Amino acid sequence: MNESISSVIAMITPGILNLLIENRNINLEDASMLLYSSQLYKTLEDEKTKVWRLGYPLLYDLLEEELATGKITFPEEQI
């Protein structure tokens, strides 16, 4: 992963973590474990996917979908 995508991910992840903490009533450690072990995060780290363009509110929704169903339905223009 190159430095620019790392910077973008570093700006996006706090928003996703905050939504996890608020909506699931969990602590930062648990929220971090959910996010960083997810397929969504692996996809986010893959610069070719450009998933970071979706912004953290939609990425959070995709993470919740993954956690509930085990699948992620990306918008048509992604991936």
Protein backbone atom coordinates (compact mmCIF):
# COMPACT_ATOMS: atom_id res chain seq x y z
CA MET A 1 0.00 0.00 0.00
CA ASN A 2 1.46 3.35 -0.95
CA GLU A 3 1.70 6.36 1.31
CA SER A 4 -1.10 8.38 -0.32
CA ILE A 5 -3.69 5.62 0.09
CA SER A 6 -2.51 5.10 3.66
CA SER A 7 -3.19 8.77 4.33
CA VAL A 8 -6.67 8.56 2.83
CA ILE A 9 -7.49 5.46 4.87
CA ALA A 10 -6.19 7.20 8.01
CA MET A 11 -8.68 10.02 7.37
CA ILE A 12 -11.62 7.68 6.68
CA THR A 13 -11.27 5.11 9.46
CA PRO A 14 -12.03 7.42 12.43
CA GLY A 15 -15.45 8.17 10.95
CA ILE A 16 -16.24 4.49 10.48
CA LEU A 17 -14.97 3.67 13.97
CA ASN A 18 -17.05 6.45 15.53
CA LEU A 19 -20.19 5.17 13.80
CA LEU A 20 -19.48 1.63 15.00
CA ILE A 21 -18.98 2.86 18.56
CA GLU A 22 -22.16 4.96 18.52
CA ASN A 23 -24.47 2.56 16.71
CA ARG A 24 -23.28 -0.68 18.27
CA ASN A 25 -22.55 0.76 21.71
CA ILE A 26 -19.07 -0.80 21.78
CA ASN A 27 -15.66 0.46 22.77
CA LEU A 28 -12.86 1.58 20.46
CA GLU A 29 -10.97 -1.70 20.78
CA ASP A 30 -13.98 -3.77 19.71
CA ALA A 31 -14.82 -1.36 16.90
CA SER A 32 -11.23 -1.50 15.66
CA MET A 33 -11.25 -5.29 15.71
CA LEU A 34 -14.46 -5.38 13.66
CA LEU A 35 -13.19 -2.91 11.09
CA TYR A 36 -9.61 -4.07 10.67
CA SER A 37 -10.56 -7.76 10.38
CA SER A 38 -13.27 -7.11 7.80
CA GLN A 39 -13.25 -7.86 4.09
CA LEU A 40 -14.29 -4.24 3.58
CA TYR A 41 -11.04 -3.03 5.13
CA LYS A 42 -9.03 -5.42 2.96
CA THR A 43 -10.83 -4.00 -0.07
CA LEU A 44 -10.22 -0.47 1.15
CA GLU A 45 -6.49 -1.17 1.42
CA ASP A 46 -6.39 -2.34 -2.20
CA GLU A 47 -5.69 0.90 -4.04
CA LYS A 48 -7.00 -0.52 -7.34
CA THR A 49 -10.56 -0.75 -5.97
CA LYS A 50 -10.81 2.98 -5.17
CA VAL A 51 -13.46 2.09 -2.56
CA TRP A 52 -12.21 5.00 -0.42
CA ARG A 53 -14.04 7.32 -2.83
CA LEU A 54 -17.35 6.23 -1.31
CA GLY A 55 -16.69 8.14 1.92
CA TYR A 56 -17.03 6.87 5.44
CA PRO A 57 -20.87 6.97 5.85
CA LEU A 58 -21.40 4.61 2.91
CA LEU A 59 -18.39 2.52 3.87
CA TYR A 60 -19.91 2.13 7.33
CA ASP A 61 -23.18 0.93 5.76
CA LEU A 62 -21.23 -1.58 3.67
CA LEU A 63 -19.42 -2.79 6.79
CA GLU A 64 -22.72 -3.26 8.60
CA GLU A 65 -23.98 -5.24 5.61
CA GLU A 66 -20.87 -7.42 5.74
CA LEU A 67 -21.24 -7.98 9.48
CA ALA A 68 -24.93 -8.90 9.11
CA THR A 69 -24.76 -11.05 5.98
CA GLY A 70 -21.13 -11.90 5.34
CA LYS A 71 -21.39 -10.18 1.96
CA ILE A 72 -20.76 -6.69 0.61
CA THR A 73 -22.83 -5.21 -2.21
CA PHE A 74 -20.73 -2.46 -3.71
CA PRO A 75 -22.37 0.24 -5.83
CA GLU A 76 -22.25 -0.57 -9.56
CA GLU A 77 -19.48 1.90 -10.37
CA GLN A 78 -17.16 0.37 -7.76
CA ILE A 79 -14.98 -2.72 -8.17
